[in-house]
Amino acid sequence: MNRLIILSGAGLSAESGIQTFRSDTGLWNNHDINVVCNYLTWKQNFEIVHKFYNDRRKELKNKKPNLMHIKIAEWKKQLKNNCILTTQNIDDLLEKAGCTDVIHLHGYSNKLICTDCDYIYNDLNYNPYDFKKCIKCSSKWIKPYIVFFNEQAPQYLKLHQIFNGITEKDMVLIIGTSGTVINVNYLLQFSKSLNILNNLKKEPYINEKLFEFVFYEKATSAAIKIDKIVKERFNL
């Protein structure tokens, strides 16, 4: 059966009130990434790091999925394992919309990990990190389950395996990413799939010639148009 493969970025969740990191008004303009998101320095900035991600978690609690999240959840429910969801976002709005098996490429805000024993605290339920040591090994070095700069992103291997296996029967949907972190051009360079791009504007790092459909508009306004293409392609 044909597959729908989705790669989403911050633009997917922006309309739900999730502040982006890299935009002109993004979080990185107000916080030093070398303090709050650097694997080489996070231990020396331990308290600041956890305050930053505690705040992100608190903000997320009352955020709701938008129309594009909901449409993606509908496609996932109908196509099941033939709908593959990869996201650069650390929020849980896809899950709130009803999605399962989401591959979070850059981590997940509601998790922590002990960097000494790799024990994962799976669901903080939007609560702040406030305990002092790991329940498994007693280490104090518990880190937000976020891929920091200068840290390996283990899910990238899975991402490249997915895109390396794309065929002409598949559809690829890229939503809300500038292409500066994940090289979309590289992922799609040999692709014969039907490709769709949805961003607010043309991005210098993404070659729009790789796409059959390009929507430069908000994700929620593009959602209905893309939904029609998906339904026709997959006979939904």
Foldseek 3Di string as FASTA:
>chain_A
DAAEEEEEEPLQCVVLVQAAQPDPPGPVVVDPLVQQFAPVCCVVNVVVNLVVLLVSLLVQLPGEGAPLLLLLQVCCVVCPPRYAAEYCDQGCRNVRSPDPPHHHQFFHSQKKAAPPPRDIPDGNSSHGDDDQADPPPRHRRIHGRGNGPVGDRVCVVVVLVVLVPAAQLYEYEYYADQCPPPQPCVSQVPHNYAYEYEALDDHPRDDCVSHPYYHNRRSNVCNVVVSVVVCVSVVD
